[in-house]
Protein backbone atom coordinates (compact mmCIF):
# COMPACT_ATOMS: atom_id res chain seq x y z
CA MET A 1 0.00 0.00 0.00
CA LEU A 2 1.44 3.35 -0.99
CA ILE A 3 0.95 6.30 1.37
CA GLN A 4 2.37 9.81 1.33
CA ILE A 5 3.76 12.19 3.95
CA ASP A 6 1.90 15.54 3.94
CA GLN A 7 3.31 19.10 4.23
CA ARG A 8 3.37 18.92 8.02
CA GLY A 9 5.31 15.66 7.97
CA SER A 10 2.25 13.67 9.04
CA LEU A 11 1.56 10.14 7.94
CA ASN A 12 -2.04 9.16 7.21
CA ILE A 13 -3.03 5.55 8.03
CA PRO A 14 -6.05 4.54 5.91
CA ALA A 15 -9.35 4.22 7.81
CA LYS A 16 -9.78 0.53 6.92
CA ILE A 17 -6.45 -0.32 8.55
CA ARG A 18 -7.12 1.91 11.60
CA ARG A 19 -10.47 0.19 12.16
CA SER A 20 -9.02 -3.30 11.76
CA LEU A 21 -6.28 -2.51 14.33
CA GLY A 22 -8.55 -0.59 16.73
CA ILE A 23 -6.57 2.64 16.30
CA GLU A 24 -8.61 5.66 17.36
CA LYS A 25 -8.04 9.41 17.52
CA GLY A 26 -5.57 10.07 20.31
CA SER A 27 -3.89 6.64 20.14
CA ASN A 28 -0.21 6.77 21.11
CA PHE A 29 2.71 4.93 19.55
CA GLU A 30 6.42 4.52 20.12
CA LEU A 31 8.28 4.90 16.83
CA GLU A 32 11.29 2.68 16.18
CA VAL A 33 13.62 2.84 13.19
CA ALA A 34 14.97 -0.67 12.72
CA GLN A 35 18.27 -1.56 11.17
CA GLY A 36 17.89 -1.11 7.42
CA GLY A 37 15.46 1.81 7.84
CA ASP A 38 12.20 -0.04 8.50
CA ILE A 39 9.78 2.05 10.57
CA ILE A 40 7.95 0.21 13.34
CA LEU A 41 5.09 1.66 15.41
CA HIS A 42 4.45 0.09 18.81
CA PRO A 43 1.13 0.98 20.49
CA VAL A 44 1.59 2.36 24.01
CA GLU A 45 -0.80 3.21 26.82
CA ILE A 46 -0.14 6.38 28.78
CA ASN A 47 -1.19 6.40 32.43
CA ARG A 48 -1.49 9.55 34.47
CA THR A 49 0.88 9.95 37.36
CA VAL A 50 0.32 12.23 40.30
CA ARG A 51 3.28 13.10 42.50
CA LEU A 52 2.52 14.73 45.81
CA SER A 53 4.71 15.98 48.62
CA SER A 54 4.14 14.68 52.14
CA GLN A 55 1.95 17.73 52.79
CA GLY A 56 -0.06 17.02 49.62
CA LEU A 57 -0.48 13.35 50.57
CA ASN A 58 -1.76 14.38 54.01
CA LYS A 59 -4.28 16.77 52.46
CA LEU A 60 -5.44 14.06 50.06
CA LYS A 61 -5.85 11.62 52.99
CA GLU A 62 -7.90 14.22 54.90
CA ALA A 63 -10.08 14.83 51.85
CA ARG A 64 -10.72 11.12 51.36
CA GLU A 65 -11.58 10.64 55.04
CA SER A 66 -13.91 13.66 55.13
CA GLY A 67 -16.28 12.10 52.60
CA ARG A 68 -16.88 15.53 51.07
CA GLY A 69 -16.33 16.09 47.39
CA ILE A 70 -15.91 13.59 44.60
CA LEU A 71 -12.52 12.42 43.40
CA PRO A 72 -12.05 10.82 39.97
CA ASP A 73 -11.84 7.01 40.14
CA TRP A 74 -8.24 6.98 38.90
CA LEU A 75 -7.21 9.29 41.75
CA LYS A 76 -9.14 7.33 44.41
CA ASN A 77 -7.09 4.27 43.50
CA GLU A 78 -3.68 6.00 43.58
């Protein structure tokens, strides 16, 4: 299949291939250039990370224990 790089340097993957691979808008990939120049895309999942100081962790603990407010599920589980 022949594809072309556009003016911005973007590569367009045909819709039929995206659908068959489950690639959606916002999907992330690691790009690897193999020996010989082959280009390989590896799908990756990006997970949010929250880093808090001791003071921030204490405030988060207090907030959880107070039962007031709603935290996102991903933050409740951190």
